[in-house]
Amino acid sequence: MHIAILTFDGYNELDSLIALGVLNRVAEPGWRVSIAGPTPRLRSMNGVTIDAMIDLDEACTADAVIVGSGSKTREVVEDPAIMASLSRLDPSRQLLGAQCSGTLVLAKLGHLTDVPACTDLTTKPWVVAAGVEVLNQPFYARGNLATAGGCLASTYLATWIIARLHSLEAATDAMHYVAPVGEKDEYVTRALANVTPFLSLTSDRMADIVQ
């Protein structure tokens, strides 16, 4: 299974890198998590520079894609080349998640038509202007689409993807690993409470519904 985290210049470290860390807690052959970007090198909103592991074209072929957030997302959705590349994203064959302003990208791509979404408070007016109902909650999913609002809600997106692509047990173990010592049960319980109502699969594997 391959999960791509779309990351653009001005990216929010908490969105892309927390998801990367949680998702990489799954130790299974073939499980791969990649930072994807439109350029080889990406600079965060706070000046942290990282190298993209794959480009957007490869990201669009992944089993799951998280659209990360950042300070330049409105520039991203106005870039014809980037949006043309991302037009290949398809929730009928892959999981699509968006974090905070990443929700605006999914909205502009037309994937949130008649689907309510979560985002951060700064991005909310832009998502509403794009015709999407914004919920006052940290996480929402319908089918193969999921959105999260608030930087630390990136853990919920990661939990949802692990549960969908692997198993709920693996998602629980991943959250338990990263949760603070002395508060692990509390963190895991909160994550599962936010995610499990949206897990409609009868199988642990996404492949059962997309193949």
C-alpha atoms as a PDB file:
ATOM      1  CA  MET A   1       0.000   0.000   0.000  1.00  0.00           C
ATOM      2  CA  HIS A   2       1.281   3.452  -0.911  1.00  0.00           C
ATOM      3  CA  ILE A   3       0.144   6.628   0.841  1.00  0.00           C
ATOM      4  CA  ALA A   4       1.144  10.023  -0.558  1.00  0.00           C
ATOM      5  CA  ILE A   5       1.054  13.245   1.446  1.00  0.00           C
ATOM      6  CA  LEU A   6       0.736  16.226  -0.896  1.00  0.00           C
ATOM      7  CA  THR A   7       3.009  18.968   0.394  1.00  0.00           C
ATOM      8  CA  PHE A   8       3.479  22.389  -1.173  1.00  0.00           C
ATOM      9  CA  ASP A   9       5.660  25.433  -0.523  1.00  0.00           C
ATOM     10  CA  GLY A  10       4.422  27.127   2.636  1.00  0.00           C
ATOM     11  CA  TYR A  11       3.369  23.752   4.040  1.00  0.00           C
ATOM     12  CA  ASN A  12       2.345  23.343   7.665  1.00  0.00           C
ATOM     13  CA  GLU A  13       4.789  20.957   9.333  1.00  0.00           C
ATOM     14  CA  LEU A  14       2.166  19.684  11.771  1.00  0.00           C
ATOM     15  CA  ASP A  15      -0.060  18.564   8.919  1.00  0.00           C
ATOM     16  CA  SER A  16       2.382  16.764   6.644  1.00  0.00           C
ATOM     17  CA  LEU A  17       4.943  15.488   9.129  1.00  0.00           C
ATOM     18  CA  ILE A  18       2.677  14.277  11.952  1.00  0.00           C
ATOM     19  CA  ALA A  19       0.678  12.263   9.435  1.00  0.00           C
ATOM     20  CA  LEU A  20       3.947  10.927   8.004  1.00  0.00           C
ATOM     21  CA  GLY A  21       5.113   9.838  11.440  1.00  0.00           C
ATOM     22  CA  VAL A  22       1.876   8.125  12.467  1.00  0.00           C
ATOM     23  CA  LEU A  23       1.407   6.371   9.130  1.00  0.00           C
ATOM     24  CA  ASN A  24       4.945   5.023   9.249  1.00  0.00           C
ATOM     25  CA  ARG A  25       4.178   3.206  12.485  1.00  0.00           C
ATOM     26  CA  VAL A  26       2.700   0.417  10.342  1.00  0.00           C
ATOM     27  CA  ALA A  27       5.416  -2.178   9.826  1.00  0.00           C
ATOM     28  CA  GLU A  28       4.340  -4.348   6.940  1.00  0.00           C
ATOM     29  CA  PRO A  29       6.081  -5.261   3.672  1.00  0.00           C
ATOM     30  CA  GLY A  30       4.869  -3.027   0.869  1.00  0.00           C
ATOM     31  CA  TRP A  31       3.555  -0.305   3.178  1.00  0.00           C
ATOM     32  CA  ARG A  32       5.056   2.982   1.954  1.00  0.00           C
ATOM     33  CA  VAL A  33       4.427   6.613   2.883  1.00  0.00           C
ATOM     34  CA  SER A  34       5.768   9.417   0.664  1.00  0.00           C
ATOM     35  CA  ILE A  35       5.946  13.185   0.813  1.00  0.00           C
ATOM     36  CA  ALA A  36       4.837  14.377  -2.626  1.00  0.00           C
ATOM     37  CA  GLY A  37       5.375  17.808  -4.087  1.00  0.00           C
ATOM     38  CA  PRO A  38       5.305  19.798  -7.303  1.00  0.00           C
ATOM     39  CA  THR A  39       9.003  20.638  -6.881  1.00  0.00           C
ATOM     40  CA  PRO A  40      11.977  18.610  -5.600  1.00  0.00           C
ATOM     41  CA  ARG A  41      12.442  20.853  -2.564  1.00  0.00           C
ATOM     42  CA  LEU A  42       9.713  22.328  -0.349  1.00  0.00           C
ATOM     43  CA  ARG A  43       9.941  25.109   2.227  1.00  0.00           C
ATOM     44  CA  SER A  44       7.474  25.242   5.110  1.00  0.00           C
ATOM     45  CA  MET A  45       5.628  28.251   6.483  1.00  0.00           C
ATOM     46  CA  ASN A  46       8.261  28.317   9.239  1.00  0.00           C
ATOM     47  CA  GLY A  47      11.284  27.855   6.995  1.00  0.00           C
ATOM     48  CA  VAL A  48      11.790  24.093   7.317  1.00  0.00           C
ATOM     49  CA  THR A  49      13.075  22.726   4.009  1.00  0.00           C
ATOM     50  CA  ILE A  50      12.497  19.108   2.990  1.00  0.00           C
ATOM     51  CA  ASP A  51      12.923  17.097  -0.180  1.00  0.00           C
ATOM     52  CA  ALA A  52       9.897  15.636  -1.926  1.00  0.00           C
ATOM     53  CA  MET A  53      10.104  11.852  -2.186  1.00  0.00           C
ATOM     54  CA  ILE A  54       7.836  11.603  -5.229  1.00  0.00           C
ATOM     55  CA  ASP A  55       6.221  14.015  -7.691  1.00  0.00           C
ATOM     56  CA  LEU A  56       2.513  14.767  -8.077  1.00  0.00           C
ATOM     57  CA  ASP A  57       2.054  12.378 -10.989  1.00  0.00           C
ATOM     58  CA  GLU A  58       3.210   9.413  -8.918  1.00  0.00           C
ATOM     59  CA  ALA A  59       1.183  10.637  -5.953  1.00  0.00           C
ATOM     60  CA  CYS A  60      -1.987  10.469  -8.030  1.00  0.00           C
ATOM     61  CA  THR A  61      -1.471   6.717  -8.463  1.00  0.00           C
ATOM     62  CA  ALA A  62      -1.212   6.038  -4.702  1.00  0.00           C
ATOM     63  CA  ASP A  63      -3.750   3.949  -2.786  1.00  0.00           C
ATOM     64  CA  ALA A  64      -4.388   6.902  -0.483  1.00  0.00           C
ATOM     65  CA  VAL A  65      -3.585  10.599  -0.755  1.00  0.00           C
ATOM     66  CA  ILE A  66      -3.598  13.257   1.957  1.00  0.00           C
ATOM     67  CA  VAL A  67      -3.714  16.847   0.745  1.00  0.00           C
ATOM     68  CA  GLY A  68      -1.684  18.783   3.272  1.00  0.00           C
ATOM     69  CA  SER A  69      -2.257  22.332   4.421  1.00  0.00           C
ATOM     70  CA  GLY A  70      -0.162  25.461   4.247  1.00  0.00           C
ATOM     71  CA  SER A  71       0.031  29.216   3.917  1.00  0.00           C
ATOM     72  CA  LYS A  72      -0.012  29.177   0.100  1.00  0.00           C
ATOM     73  CA  THR A  73      -2.965  26.884  -0.601  1.00  0.00           C
ATOM     74  CA  ARG A  74      -4.924  29.603  -2.374  1.00  0.00           C
ATOM     75  CA  GLU A  75      -1.970  29.970  -4.731  1.00  0.00           C
ATOM     76  CA  VAL A  76      -1.987  26.202  -5.262  1.00  0.00           C
ATOM     77  CA  VAL A  77      -5.633  26.119  -6.360  1.00  0.00           C
ATOM     78  CA  GLU A  78      -4.953  28.974  -8.766  1.00  0.00           C
ATOM     79  CA  ASP A  79      -2.022  27.160 -10.413  1.00  0.00           C
ATOM     80  CA  PRO A  80      -3.317  25.495 -13.616  1.00  0.00           C
ATOM     81  CA  ALA A  81      -0.390  23.077 -13.881  1.00  0.00           C
ATOM     82  CA  ILE A  82      -0.749  21.788 -10.321  1.00  0.00           C
ATOM     83  CA  MET A  83      -4.521  21.469 -10.531  1.00  0.00           C
ATOM     84  CA  ALA A  84      -4.255  19.684 -13.886  1.00  0.00           C
ATOM     85  CA  SER A  85      -1.937  17.126 -12.282  1.00  0.00           C
ATOM     86  CA  LEU A  86      -4.268  16.696  -9.304  1.00  0.00           C
ATOM     87  CA  SER A  87      -7.298  16.239 -11.559  1.00  0.00           C
ATOM     88  CA  ARG A  88      -6.242  12.582 -11.763  1.00  0.00           C
ATOM     89  CA  LEU A  89      -7.170  12.047  -8.112  1.00  0.00           C
ATOM     90  CA  ASP A  90     -10.186   9.750  -8.025  1.00  0.00           C
ATOM     91  CA  PRO A  91     -12.108   8.714  -4.880  1.00  0.00           C
ATOM     92  CA  SER A  92     -13.624   5.788  -6.756  1.00  0.00           C
ATOM     93  CA  ARG A  93     -10.241   4.036  -6.748  1.00  0.00           C
ATOM     94  CA  GLN A  94      -8.299   5.607  -3.855  1.00  0.00           C
ATOM     95  CA  LEU A  95      -8.757   7.150  -0.432  1.00  0.00           C
ATOM     96  CA  LEU A  96      -8.598  10.938  -0.483  1.00  0.00           C
ATOM     97  CA  GLY A  97      -8.059  12.931   2.695  1.00  0.00           C
ATOM     98  CA  ALA A  98      -7.488  16.624   3.245  1.00  0.00           C
ATOM     99  CA  GLN A  99      -6.061  18.508   6.189  1.00  0.00           C
ATOM    100  CA  CYS A 100      -7.172  22.082   6.964  1.00  0.00           C
ATOM    101  CA  SER A 101      -6.622  24.206   3.842  1.00  0.00           C
ATOM    102  CA  GLY A 102      -6.088  21.013   1.854  1.00  0.00           C
ATOM    103  CA  THR A 103      -9.878  20.791   1.979  1.00  0.00           C
ATOM    104  CA  LEU A 104      -9.968  23.779  -0.366  1.00  0.00           C
ATOM    105  CA  VAL A 105      -8.007  21.761  -2.924  1.00  0.00           C
ATOM    106  CA  LEU A 106     -10.522  18.898  -2.837  1.00  0.00           C
ATOM    107  CA  ALA A 107     -13.351  21.425  -3.052  1.00  0.00           C
ATOM    108  CA  LYS A 108     -11.854  23.099  -6.121  1.00  0.00           C
ATOM    109  CA  LEU A 109     -11.338  19.690  -7.732  1.00  0.00           C
ATOM    110  CA  GLY A 110     -15.059  19.023  -7.324  1.00  0.00           C
ATOM    111  CA  HIS A 111     -14.749  16.111  -4.903  1.00  0.00           C
ATOM    112  CA  LEU A 112     -16.783  17.686  -2.109  1.00  0.00           C
ATOM    113  CA  THR A 113     -19.962  18.382  -4.038  1.00  0.00           C
ATOM    114  CA  ASP A 114     -22.812  17.491  -1.648  1.00  0.00           C
ATOM    115  CA  VAL A 115     -20.259  16.250   0.911  1.00  0.00           C
ATOM    116  CA  PRO A 116     -19.804  18.302   4.113  1.00  0.00           C
ATOM    117  CA  ALA A 117     -16.232  18.844   5.207  1.00  0.00           C
ATOM    118  CA  CYS A 118     -13.921  19.904   8.005  1.00  0.00           C
ATOM    119  CA  THR A 119     -11.225  22.552   7.795  1.00  0.00           C
ATOM    120  CA  ASP A 120      -9.432  25.093   9.959  1.00  0.00           C
ATOM    121  CA  LEU A 121     -11.072  28.377  10.968  1.00  0.00           C
ATOM    122  CA  THR A 122      -8.898  30.482   8.650  1.00  0.00           C
ATOM    123  CA  THR A 123      -9.750  28.393   5.594  1.00  0.00           C
ATOM    124  CA  LYS A 124     -13.440  28.009   6.411  1.00  0.00           C
ATOM    125  CA  PRO A 125     -14.662  31.109   4.493  1.00  0.00           C
ATOM    126  CA  TRP A 126     -12.833  30.021   1.329  1.00  0.00           C
ATOM    127  CA  VAL A 127     -14.256  26.509   1.503  1.00  0.00           C
ATOM    128  CA  VAL A 128     -17.750  27.872   2.114  1.00  0.00           C
ATOM    129  CA  ALA A 129     -17.287  30.215  -0.853  1.00  0.00           C
ATOM    130  CA  ALA A 130     -16.424  27.136  -2.934  1.00  0.00           C
ATOM    131  CA  GLY A 131     -19.895  25.801  -2.149  1.00  0.00           C
ATOM    132  CA  VAL A 132     -19.029  23.290   0.560  1.00  0.00           C
ATOM    133  CA  GLU A 133     -20.757  22.978   3.944  1.00  0.00           C
ATOM    134  CA  VAL A 134     -18.154  23.230   6.714  1.00  0.00           C
ATOM    135  CA  LEU A 135     -18.779  21.277   9.903  1.00  0.00           C
ATOM    136  CA  ASN A 136     -17.813  22.377  13.404  1.00  0.00           C
ATOM    137  CA  GLN A 137     -15.933  19.187  14.195  1.00  0.00           C
ATOM    138  CA  PRO A 138     -12.387  17.840  13.751  1.00  0.00           C
ATOM    139  CA  PHE A 139     -13.034  14.962  11.349  1.00  0.00           C
ATOM    140  CA  TYR A 140     -15.597  13.759   8.838  1.00  0.00           C
ATOM    141  CA  ALA A 141     -15.557  11.009   6.237  1.00  0.00           C
ATOM    142  CA  ARG A 142     -17.969   9.702   3.648  1.00  0.00           C
ATOM    143  CA  GLY A 143     -16.999   6.755   1.523  1.00  0.00           C
ATOM    144  CA  ASN A 144     -13.426   7.242   0.346  1.00  0.00           C
ATOM    145  CA  LEU A 145     -13.304  10.963   1.208  1.00  0.00           C
ATOM    146  CA  ALA A 146     -12.182  12.378   4.548  1.00  0.00           C
ATOM    147  CA  THR A 147     -11.354  15.851   5.837  1.00  0.00           C
ATOM    148  CA  ALA A 148      -9.902  17.133   9.095  1.00  0.00           C
ATOM    149  CA  GLY A 149      -9.824  20.562  10.710  1.00  0.00           C
ATOM    150  CA  GLY A 150      -7.112  21.760  13.062  1.00  0.00           C
ATOM    151  CA  CYS A 151      -3.441  20.808  12.841  1.00  0.00           C
ATOM    152  CA  LEU A 152      -3.529  18.052  15.452  1.00  0.00           C
ATOM    153  CA  ALA A 153      -6.521  16.458  13.731  1.00  0.00           C
ATOM    154  CA  SER A 154      -3.923  15.093  11.309  1.00  0.00           C
ATOM    155  CA  THR A 155      -3.744  12.130  13.707  1.00  0.00           C
ATOM    156  CA  TYR A 156      -7.379  11.364  12.897  1.00  0.00           C
ATOM    157  CA  LEU A 157      -6.693  11.318   9.162  1.00  0.00           C
ATOM    158  CA  ALA A 158      -3.783   8.956   9.735  1.00  0.00           C
ATOM    159  CA  THR A 159      -5.922   6.730  11.979  1.00  0.00           C
ATOM    160  CA  TRP A 160      -8.660   6.592   9.328  1.00  0.00           C
ATOM    161  CA  ILE A 161      -6.235   5.683   6.550  1.00  0.00           C
ATOM    162  CA  ILE A 162      -4.542   2.931   8.562  1.00  0.00           C
ATOM    163  CA  ALA A 163      -7.921   1.496   9.567  1.00  0.00           C
ATOM    164  CA  ARG A 164      -9.103   1.536   5.961  1.00  0.00           C
ATOM    165  CA  LEU A 165      -5.945   0.223   4.295  1.00  0.00           C
ATOM    166  CA  HIS A 166      -4.787  -2.146   7.021  1.00  0.00           C
ATOM    167  CA  SER A 167      -6.894  -2.725  10.126  1.00  0.00           C
ATOM    168  CA  LEU A 168      -8.427  -0.968  13.087  1.00  0.00           C
ATOM    169  CA  GLU A 169      -5.996  -2.850  15.313  1.00  0.00           C
ATOM    170  CA  ALA A 170      -3.035  -1.398  13.421  1.00  0.00           C
ATOM    171  CA  ALA A 171      -4.552   2.093  13.663  1.00  0.00           C
ATOM    172  CA  THR A 172      -4.992   1.667  17.410  1.00  0.00           C
ATOM    173  CA  ASP A 173      -1.400   0.473  17.811  1.00  0.00           C
ATOM    174  CA  ALA A 174      -0.058   3.419  15.779  1.00  0.00           C
ATOM    175  CA  MET A 175      -1.912   5.973  17.874  1.00  0.00           C
ATOM    176  CA  HIS A 176      -0.866   4.235  21.084  1.00  0.00           C
ATOM    177  CA  TYR A 177       2.766   4.442  19.981  1.00  0.00           C
ATOM    178  CA  VAL A 178       2.749   8.205  19.365  1.00  0.00           C
ATOM    179  CA  ALA A 179       0.465   9.228  22.257  1.00  0.00           C
ATOM    180  CA  PRO A 180       2.025  10.855  25.351  1.00  0.00           C
ATOM    181  CA  VAL A 181       3.108   8.553  28.149  1.00  0.00           C
ATOM    182  CA  GLY A 182       0.526   8.500  30.911  1.00  0.00           C
ATOM    183  CA  GLU A 183      -2.209   9.629  28.507  1.00  0.00           C
ATOM    184  CA  LYS A 184      -2.093   6.879  25.907  1.00  0.00           C
ATOM    185  CA  ASP A 185      -5.508   5.385  26.631  1.00  0.00           C
ATOM    186  CA  GLU A 186      -7.095   8.843  26.571  1.00  0.00           C
ATOM    187  CA  TYR A 187      -5.530   9.736  23.214  1.00  0.00           C
ATOM    188  CA  VAL A 188      -6.406   6.410  21.600  1.00  0.00           C
ATOM    189  CA  THR A 189      -9.978   6.590  22.878  1.00  0.00           C
ATOM    190  CA  ARG A 190     -10.399  10.096  21.477  1.00  0.00           C
ATOM    191  CA  ALA A 191      -8.980   9.156  18.088  1.00  0.00           C
ATOM    192  CA  LEU A 192     -11.195   6.104  17.775  1.00  0.00           C
ATOM    193  CA  ALA A 193     -14.260   8.036  18.920  1.00  0.00           C
ATOM    194  CA  ASN A 194     -13.726  10.523  16.099  1.00  0.00           C
ATOM    195  CA  VAL A 195     -12.878   7.996  13.395  1.00  0.00           C
ATOM    196  CA  THR A 196     -14.778   4.748  13.960  1.00  0.00           C
ATOM    197  CA  PRO A 197     -18.263   6.203  13.264  1.00  0.00           C
ATOM    198  CA  PHE A 198     -17.062   6.754   9.686  1.00  0.00           C
ATOM    199  CA  LEU A 199     -15.610   3.287   9.127  1.00  0.00           C
ATOM    200  CA  SER A 200     -18.221   1.532   7.043  1.00  0.00           C
ATOM    201  CA  LEU A 201     -16.014  -1.274   5.739  1.00  0.00           C
ATOM    202  CA  THR A 202     -16.795  -4.869   6.597  1.00  0.00           C
ATOM    203  CA  SER A 203     -13.249  -5.876   5.657  1.00  0.00           C
ATOM    204  CA  ASP A 204      -9.911  -4.681   6.957  1.00  0.00           C
ATOM    205  CA  ARG A 205      -8.621  -4.129   3.452  1.00  0.00           C
ATOM    206  CA  MET A 206      -9.517  -1.346   1.071  1.00  0.00           C
ATOM    207  CA  ALA A 207      -8.692  -3.704  -1.789  1.00  0.00           C
ATOM    208  CA  ASP A 208     -11.940  -5.540  -1.144  1.00  0.00           C
ATOM    209  CA  ILE A 209     -13.962  -2.540  -2.309  1.00  0.00           C
ATOM    210  CA  VAL A 210     -11.773  -0.978  -4.973  1.00  0.00           C
ATOM    211  CA  GLN A 211     -10.787  -4.032  -6.987  1.00  0.00           C
END
